[in-house]
Amino acid sequence: MFLKRIELSGYKSFANRSVLNFEEPLTGIVGPNGCGKSNITDAVRFALGEQSAKSLRSGSSLNEMIFAGSQSRKPVNIARVTLVFDNSQKIFDSPYEEIEITRQIQRGSSEISNWINKTPCRLKDIQDLVMDTGLGRDSLSIISQGNISSFADARPEERRLLFEEAAGVAKYKKRKKISLAKLENVKANLERVQDQVDSCASQMKTLERQAEKAEQYLACKKELADIEISLLAMQIEENKEKELEQKAALERMQTRQNEQNRISMEADQQMEALQEEIRHTDARLVNLQNELARVMEESVSLNKQKAILDERRKISLSSADKQARAQSLLELFSEAKYEYEDRRRRLAAMKLDTQTRESHQQKALGESR
């Protein structure tokens, strides 16, 4: 495994973007005290997943890793570290020839962004990637100031962890720990399931009785549904018969109504004809009344003329001889006889006309009824 390049931007003393390329077979960084060599080591530890501000020598907060400015430079808001590894020997469990690990922190935010080969990921993904390569944040691959004395003074258990990390077995121990924790969770779940099984067993008899009652209920419900369906079928048949009877009765009523309408139309037509005849009769009666009035006037006039003639005849008879008077009496008798016959004929004609009109009116009234 070979570290090819380190890229730093805004991290501690590296305000500008700085790229450190390492070439085989031997690479070293030398410089006077205070030039920033330890900052590069802290940057590597930060990129590999270190979360402790104390271990990264950044005071009380990780935000203090971000370049805070100087007399000639303004502070920046983002600190980013990128490590590029050669994976041609497939030390990392990845198909890529190069592995690029990037971590970034923004001022004012406690969240840290992570990328593997420019793909966003979790911190756990980075830790899993480097766990069995000996590159863990606490491994012997990174030895800073004070590590030798702390390693010499460490307890056997702590030394064992360091050797396991260097040997690449820490990953499997972590997996074992996770698997054991999962087994404990499964065991606890099994115990809860067993408790539920025991609780269900105590409820089985009650549930069986309830199941029997439920089956009886379903059977009764099905029987009731069958009865209701049969009853509905009978009611539907009865309703159909009643509907047919009502349709037949309605047709008969419709026929009678049509007949009544026809009779009513004929009666209306007859009434109109009778009213028309009554109007003609009234007009005729008016004409007859006018004719009667005219005849009465003529009769009065003739009576006056007759009275005058009679008076004249009386005068002429009183002065005439017997033969002349006889001749005048004969003329008077002929005239009186003619007048009598004429009046008798008129009276008979009027009676016949009146009887005919009354007969027609009675006949029309009988037909309208």
Protein backbone atom coordinates (compact mmCIF):
# COMPACT_ATOMS: atom_id res chain seq x y z
CA MET A 1 0.00 0.00 0.00
CA PHE A 2 1.39 3.41 -0.94
CA LEU A 3 0.22 6.96 -0.17
CA LYS A 4 0.54 8.83 -3.44
CA ARG A 5 -0.80 12.30 -2.66
CA ILE A 6 -2.17 14.53 0.08
CA GLU A 7 -4.33 17.52 -0.81
CA LEU A 8 -5.02 20.16 1.84
CA SER A 9 -7.19 23.26 1.59
CA GLY A 10 -7.97 25.56 4.50
CA TYR A 11 -6.67 23.01 7.02
CA LYS A 12 -4.81 24.66 9.93
CA SER A 13 -1.73 26.42 8.47
CA PHE A 14 -2.53 25.40 4.85
CA ALA A 15 -4.76 28.31 3.84
CA ASN A 16 -4.25 27.81 0.10
CA ARG A 17 -4.82 24.54 -1.70
CA SER A 18 -1.63 22.53 -1.24
CA VAL A 19 -0.78 19.22 -2.93
CA LEU A 20 1.97 16.95 -1.55
CA ASN A 21 3.01 14.23 -4.00
CA PHE A 22 4.95 11.20 -2.67
CA GLU A 23 7.10 9.14 -5.02
CA GLU A 24 8.74 5.76 -4.45
CA PRO A 25 10.91 4.29 -3.03
CA LEU A 26 11.37 6.64 -0.07
CA THR A 27 9.48 9.78 0.93
CA GLY A 28 10.03 12.04 3.86
CA ILE A 29 9.03 15.54 4.97
CA VAL A 30 11.68 17.52 6.79
CA GLY A 31 11.69 21.06 8.07
CA PRO A 32 12.32 23.27 11.07
CA ASN A 33 10.15 23.36 14.10
CA GLY A 34 6.81 25.15 13.55
CA CYS A 35 6.73 24.72 9.78
CA GLY A 36 3.59 22.51 9.90
CA LYS A 37 4.92 18.92 9.73
CA SER A 38 2.61 17.82 12.59
CA ASN A 39 -0.34 19.48 10.83
CA ILE A 40 0.17 17.07 7.92
CA THR A 41 0.07 14.12 10.36
CA ASP A 42 -3.10 15.55 11.95
CA ALA A 43 -4.62 15.96 8.47
CA VAL A 44 -3.95 12.28 7.69
CA ARG A 45 -5.50 11.22 10.99
CA PHE A 46 -8.51 13.50 10.33
CA ALA A 47 -9.01 12.05 6.82
CA LEU A 48 -8.86 8.51 8.21
CA GLY A 49 -11.73 9.24 10.61
CA GLU A 50 -10.33 10.79 13.78
CA GLN A 51 -13.15 12.58 15.65
CA SER A 52 -11.34 13.78 18.76
CA ALA A 53 -10.46 17.49 18.77
CA LYS A 54 -7.81 16.81 21.44
CA SER A 55 -6.10 14.11 19.36
CA LEU A 56 -6.04 16.47 16.37
CA ARG A 57 -4.61 19.30 18.50
CA SER A 58 -7.50 21.61 17.56
CA GLY A 59 -8.44 22.93 20.97
CA SER A 60 -12.00 22.42 22.19
CA SER A 61 -13.73 22.22 18.78
CA LEU A 62 -13.02 20.71 15.40
CA ASN A 63 -13.86 24.10 13.87
CA GLU A 64 -10.46 25.30 15.13
CA MET A 65 -8.85 23.10 12.43
CA ILE A 66 -10.09 25.63 9.84
CA PHE A 67 -7.55 28.34 8.93
CA ALA A 68 -8.39 31.28 11.22
CA GLY A 69 -6.61 33.99 9.24
CA SER A 70 -3.50 36.10 9.75
CA GLN A 71 -2.35 39.66 9.37
CA SER A 72 -2.14 39.23 5.60
CA ARG A 73 -4.86 36.62 4.97
CA LYS A 74 -8.56 36.49 5.75
CA PRO A 75 -9.95 33.36 7.45
CA VAL A 76 -11.55 30.64 5.30
CA ASN A 77 -14.81 28.80 5.93
CA ILE A 78 -13.96 25.26 4.78
CA ALA A 79 -11.19 22.84 5.67
CA ARG A 80 -10.72 19.87 3.33
CA VAL A 81 -8.21 16.98 3.36
CA THR A 82 -7.87 14.38 0.59
CA LEU A 83 -5.70 11.24 0.72
CA VAL A 84 -4.94 9.37 -2.52
CA PHE A 85 -3.70 5.74 -2.16
CA ASP A 86 -2.30 3.36 -4.75
CA ASN A 87 -4.53 0.28 -4.83
CA SER A 88 -2.81 -1.61 -7.60
CA GLN A 89 -2.08 -4.48 -5.18
CA LYS A 90 -5.76 -4.52 -4.09
CA ILE A 91 -4.94 -3.99 -0.43
CA PHE A 92 -8.18 -2.04 -0.14
CA ASP A 93 -11.36 -4.03 -0.76
CA SER A 94 -12.22 -2.03 -3.87
CA PRO A 95 -11.92 -2.61 -7.64
CA TYR A 96 -10.41 0.86 -8.26
CA GLU A 97 -6.68 1.35 -8.94
CA GLU A 98 -6.67 4.49 -6.80
CA ILE A 99 -8.55 5.15 -3.58
CA GLU A 100 -9.36 8.78 -2.82
CA ILE A 101 -10.61 9.55 0.71
CA THR A 102 -11.87 13.08 1.38
CA ARG A 103 -13.23 14.70 4.54
CA GLN A 104 -14.44 18.28 4.87
CA ILE A 105 -15.67 20.49 7.72
CA GLN A 106 -17.43 23.85 7.36
CA ARG A 107 -17.14 26.70 9.83
CA GLY A 108 -20.15 27.04 12.13
CA SER A 109 -21.31 23.47 11.44
CA SER A 110 -20.64 20.39 13.54
CA GLU A 111 -21.29 18.02 10.63
CA ILE A 112 -18.38 16.60 8.61
CA SER A 113 -18.84 15.57 4.96
CA ASN A 114 -17.17 12.39 3.69
CA TRP A 115 -16.35 11.08 0.20
CA ILE A 116 -14.74 7.96 -1.24
CA ASN A 117 -13.62 8.45 -4.86
CA LYS A 118 -15.75 11.63 -4.98
CA THR A 119 -18.88 9.68 -3.92
CA PRO A 120 -20.62 10.86 -0.71
CA CYS A 121 -20.43 8.25 2.03
CA ARG A 122 -20.55 7.75 5.80
CA LEU A 123 -17.67 7.87 8.28
CA LYS A 124 -18.36 4.20 8.95
CA ASP A 125 -17.71 3.42 5.27
CA ILE A 126 -14.24 5.03 5.52
CA GLN A 127 -13.46 3.18 8.76
CA ASP A 128 -14.55 -0.15 7.25
CA LEU A 129 -12.44 0.51 4.15
CA VAL A 130 -9.18 1.12 6.06
CA MET A 131 -9.80 -1.16 9.06
CA ASP A 132 -7.97 -4.30 7.85
CA THR A 133 -5.17 -2.35 6.10
CA GLY A 134 -3.36 -1.20 9.26
CA LEU A 135 -4.36 2.44 8.57
CA GLY A 136 -6.72 2.88 11.49
CA ARG A 137 -6.64 6.26 13.21
CA ASP A 138 -5.05 4.61 16.30
CA SER A 139 -2.78 2.18 14.46
CA LEU A 140 1.03 2.10 14.48
CA SER A 141 1.10 3.34 10.88
CA ILE A 142 0.81 6.88 12.26
CA ILE A 143 3.26 7.60 15.07
CA SER A 144 3.22 11.15 16.38
CA GLN A 145 5.12 12.87 19.14
CA GLY A 146 4.65 11.08 22.46
CA ASN A 147 3.40 7.82 20.89
CA ILE A 148 6.64 5.92 21.74
CA SER A 149 6.51 6.78 25.44
CA SER A 150 2.75 6.11 25.60
CA PHE A 151 3.29 2.75 23.87
CA ALA A 152 6.02 1.85 26.37
CA ASP A 153 3.85 2.85 29.32
CA ALA A 154 0.64 1.21 27.93
CA ARG A 155 -1.01 -1.71 29.63
CA PRO A 156 -0.88 -5.15 28.00
CA GLU A 157 -4.50 -4.87 26.87
CA GLU A 158 -3.81 -1.54 25.14
CA ARG A 159 -0.66 -2.93 23.47
CA ARG A 160 -2.65 -5.91 22.26
CA LEU A 161 -5.15 -3.56 20.56
CA LEU A 162 -2.30 -1.78 18.80
CA PHE A 163 -0.78 -5.05 17.57
CA GLU A 164 -4.18 -6.26 16.39
CA GLU A 165 -4.68 -3.04 14.49
CA ALA A 166 -1.25 -3.35 12.89
CA ALA A 167 -1.84 -7.03 12.03
CA GLY A 168 -5.18 -6.21 10.37
CA VAL A 169 -7.37 -8.33 12.66
CA ALA A 170 -9.16 -5.41 14.28
CA LYS A 171 -11.72 -5.47 11.50
CA TYR A 172 -12.66 -9.03 12.24
CA LYS A 173 -12.76 -8.37 15.98
CA LYS A 174 -15.09 -5.48 15.32
CA ARG A 175 -17.24 -7.67 13.13
CA LYS A 176 -17.20 -10.30 15.89
CA LYS A 177 -18.27 -7.69 18.41
CA ILE A 178 -21.08 -6.55 16.13
CA SER A 179 -22.13 -10.17 15.50
CA LEU A 180 -22.13 -10.91 19.23
CA ALA A 181 -24.24 -7.82 19.84
CA LYS A 182 -26.65 -8.98 17.14
CA LEU A 183 -26.74 -12.45 18.73
CA GLU A 184 -27.56 -10.85 22.09
CA ASN A 185 -30.35 -8.92 20.41
CA VAL A 186 -31.61 -12.12 18.75
CA LYS A 187 -31.45 -13.90 22.11
CA ALA A 188 -33.43 -11.11 23.74
CA ASN A 189 -35.92 -11.23 20.88
CA LEU A 190 -36.23 -15.01 21.25
CA GLU A 191 -36.89 -14.59 24.96
CA ARG A 192 -39.62 -12.03 24.19
CA VAL A 193 -41.05 -14.36 21.54
CA GLN A 194 -41.03 -17.23 24.05
CA ASP A 195 -42.85 -15.02 26.54
CA GLN A 196 -45.41 -14.21 23.86
CA VAL A 197 -45.73 -17.93 22.99
CA ASP A 198 -46.32 -18.76 26.65
CA SER A 199 -48.85 -15.96 26.90
CA CYS A 200 -50.57 -17.17 23.73
CA ALA A 201 -50.62 -20.74 25.03
CA SER A 202 -52.52 -19.61 28.11
CA GLN A 203 -55.00 -17.88 25.83
CA MET A 204 -55.44 -20.83 23.45
CA LYS A 205 -58.43 -22.34 25.27
CA THR A 206 -60.19 -19.00 25.41
CA LEU A 207 -59.41 -18.44 21.75
CA GLU A 208 -60.65 -21.94 20.88
CA ARG A 209 -63.98 -21.26 22.60
CA GLN A 210 -64.15 -17.93 20.83
CA ALA A 211 -63.33 -19.65 17.55
CA GLU A 212 -66.15 -22.17 18.09
CA LYS A 213 -68.54 -19.34 18.84
CA ALA A 214 -67.28 -17.50 15.78
CA GLU A 215 -67.85 -20.59 13.61
CA GLN A 216 -71.37 -20.97 15.04
CA TYR A 217 -71.96 -17.29 14.40
CA LEU A 218 -70.73 -17.60 10.80
CA ALA A 219 -72.93 -20.67 10.25
CA CYS A 220 -75.98 -18.87 11.70
CA LYS A 221 -75.11 -15.79 9.68
CA LYS A 222 -74.91 -17.87 6.50
CA GLU A 223 -78.24 -19.57 7.29
CA LEU A 224 -79.81 -16.17 8.02
CA ALA A 225 -78.42 -14.83 4.73
CA ASP A 226 -79.92 -17.82 2.86
CA ILE A 227 -83.30 -17.23 4.54
CA GLU A 228 -83.17 -13.52 3.75
CA ILE A 229 -82.27 -14.29 0.15
CA SER A 230 -85.20 -16.73 -0.14
CA LEU A 231 -87.54 -14.19 1.44
CA LEU A 232 -86.32 -11.49 -0.88
CA ALA A 233 -86.81 -13.81 -3.87
CA MET A 234 -90.43 -14.50 -2.76
CA GLN A 235 -91.05 -10.80 -2.26
CA ILE A 236 -89.59 -10.07 -5.67
CA GLU A 237 -91.92 -12.64 -7.29
CA GLU A 238 -94.92 -11.20 -5.44
CA ASN A 239 -93.91 -7.70 -6.42
CA LYS A 240 -93.57 -8.80 -10.04
CA GLU A 241 -97.11 -10.31 -9.99
CA LYS A 242 -98.48 -7.16 -8.35
CA GLU A 243 -96.65 -5.09 -10.92
CA LEU A 244 -98.21 -7.10 -13.76
CA GLU A 245 -101.67 -6.72 -12.21
CA GLN A 246 -101.15 -3.03 -11.74
CA LYS A 247 -99.94 -2.70 -15.33
CA ALA A 248 -103.07 -4.54 -16.56
CA ALA A 249 -105.32 -2.36 -14.38
CA LEU A 250 -103.49 0.71 -15.62
CA GLU A 251 -104.00 -0.37 -19.22
CA ARG A 252 -107.74 -0.89 -18.56
CA MET A 253 -107.96 2.49 -16.90
CA GLN A 254 -106.08 3.99 -19.83
CA THR A 255 -108.53 2.34 -22.27
CA ARG A 256 -111.51 3.66 -20.29
CA GLN A 257 -109.94 7.08 -20.12
CA ASN A 258 -109.37 7.03 -23.89
CA GLU A 259 -113.00 6.01 -24.38
CA GLN A 260 -114.17 8.77 -22.02
CA ASN A 261 -111.97 11.22 -23.89
CA ARG A 262 -113.48 10.09 -27.17
CA ILE A 263 -117.02 10.41 -25.79
CA SER A 264 -116.15 13.78 -24.29
CA MET A 265 -114.78 14.94 -27.66
CA GLU A 266 -117.94 13.77 -29.42
CA ALA A 267 -120.08 15.47 -26.75
CA ASP A 268 -118.05 18.65 -27.23
CA GLN A 269 -118.55 18.42 -30.96
CA GLN A 270 -122.30 17.85 -30.47
CA MET A 271 -122.42 20.70 -27.98
CA GLU A 272 -120.72 22.95 -30.47
CA ALA A 273 -123.16 21.84 -33.17
CA LEU A 274 -126.11 22.38 -30.78
CA GLN A 275 -124.80 25.78 -29.79
CA GLU A 276 -124.43 26.63 -33.46
CA GLU A 277 -128.02 25.47 -34.08
CA ILE A 278 -129.21 27.45 -31.07
CA ARG A 279 -127.50 30.52 -32.49
CA HIS A 280 -129.22 29.92 -35.85
CA THR A 281 -132.54 29.33 -34.04
CA ASP A 282 -132.09 32.48 -31.98
CA ALA A 283 -131.33 34.40 -35.14
CA ARG A 284 -134.39 32.87 -36.81
CA LEU A 285 -136.51 33.64 -33.75
CA VAL A 286 -135.34 37.23 -33.86
CA ASN A 287 -136.27 37.35 -37.54
CA LEU A 288 -139.70 35.84 -36.76
CA GLN A 289 -140.21 38.31 -33.95
CA ASN A 290 -139.31 41.11 -36.30
CA GLU A 291 -141.65 39.63 -38.89
CA LEU A 292 -144.39 39.34 -36.24
CA ALA A 293 -143.88 42.92 -35.23
CA ARG A 294 -144.07 43.98 -38.86
CA VAL A 295 -147.21 41.87 -39.39
CA MET A 296 -148.76 43.35 -36.24
CA GLU A 297 -147.99 46.82 -37.47
CA GLU A 298 -149.42 45.92 -40.87
CA SER A 299 -152.46 44.40 -39.15
CA VAL A 300 -153.00 47.56 -37.11
CA SER A 301 -152.63 49.62 -40.24
CA LEU A 302 -155.08 47.38 -42.08
CA ASN A 303 -157.52 47.55 -39.17
CA LYS A 304 -157.34 51.30 -39.29
CA GLN A 305 -157.91 51.24 -43.06
CA LYS A 306 -160.74 48.76 -42.57
CA ALA A 307 -162.35 50.94 -39.97
CA ILE A 308 -162.15 53.86 -42.35
CA LEU A 309 -163.60 51.77 -45.19
CA ASP A 310 -166.32 50.43 -42.95
CA GLU A 311 -167.24 53.91 -41.96
CA ARG A 312 -167.30 54.97 -45.56
CA ARG A 313 -169.38 51.92 -46.52
CA LYS A 314 -171.82 52.63 -43.75
CA ILE A 315 -172.18 56.15 -45.04
CA SER A 316 -172.55 54.92 -48.61
CA LEU A 317 -175.02 52.20 -47.51
CA SER A 318 -177.14 54.63 -45.68
CA SER A 319 -177.38 56.73 -48.75
CA ALA A 320 -177.53 53.91 -51.37
CA ASP A 321 -180.49 51.91 -52.56
CA LYS A 322 -181.17 48.30 -51.60
CA GLN A 323 -179.42 46.77 -54.58
CA ALA A 324 -176.28 48.76 -54.03
CA ARG A 325 -176.38 47.99 -50.31
CA ALA A 326 -176.72 44.29 -51.06
CA GLN A 327 -173.82 44.45 -53.39
CA SER A 328 -171.71 46.20 -50.76
CA LEU A 329 -172.62 43.68 -48.07
CA LEU A 330 -171.58 40.86 -50.36
CA GLU A 331 -168.23 42.54 -50.92
CA LEU A 332 -167.82 43.04 -47.17
CA PHE A 333 -168.58 39.41 -46.51
CA SER A 334 -166.03 38.23 -49.13
CA GLU A 335 -163.39 40.46 -47.67
CA ALA A 336 -164.14 39.36 -44.13
CA LYS A 337 -164.05 35.71 -45.20
CA TYR A 338 -160.70 36.18 -46.98
CA GLU A 339 -159.25 37.96 -44.00
CA TYR A 340 -160.47 35.22 -41.67
CA GLU A 341 -158.97 32.46 -43.82
CA ASP A 342 -155.69 34.33 -44.14
CA ARG A 343 -155.38 34.81 -40.42
CA ARG A 344 -156.33 31.20 -39.75
CA ARG A 345 -153.66 30.01 -42.21
CA ARG A 346 -150.98 32.21 -40.62
CA LEU A 347 -151.88 30.98 -37.14
CA ALA A 348 -151.55 27.32 -38.21
CA ALA A 349 -148.21 27.99 -39.86
CA MET A 350 -146.88 29.71 -36.72
CA LYS A 351 -148.04 26.82 -34.50
CA LEU A 352 -146.38 24.25 -36.78
CA ASP A 353 -143.12 26.18 -36.86
CA THR A 354 -143.10 26.53 -33.05
CA GLN A 355 -143.73 22.80 -32.56
CA THR A 356 -140.97 21.90 -35.04
CA ARG A 357 -138.42 24.16 -33.28
CA GLU A 358 -139.30 22.76 -29.83
CA SER A 359 -138.97 19.20 -31.14
CA HIS A 360 -135.50 19.92 -32.55
CA GLN A 361 -134.34 21.48 -29.26
CA GLN A 362 -135.55 18.52 -27.20
CA LYS A 363 -133.85 16.08 -29.55
CA ALA A 364 -130.52 17.97 -29.35
CA LEU A 365 -130.67 18.10 -25.56
CA GLY A 366 -131.33 14.35 -25.42
CA GLU A 367 -128.34 13.59 -27.65
CA SER A 368 -126.00 15.82 -25.59
CA ARG A 369 -127.03 14.01 -22.41
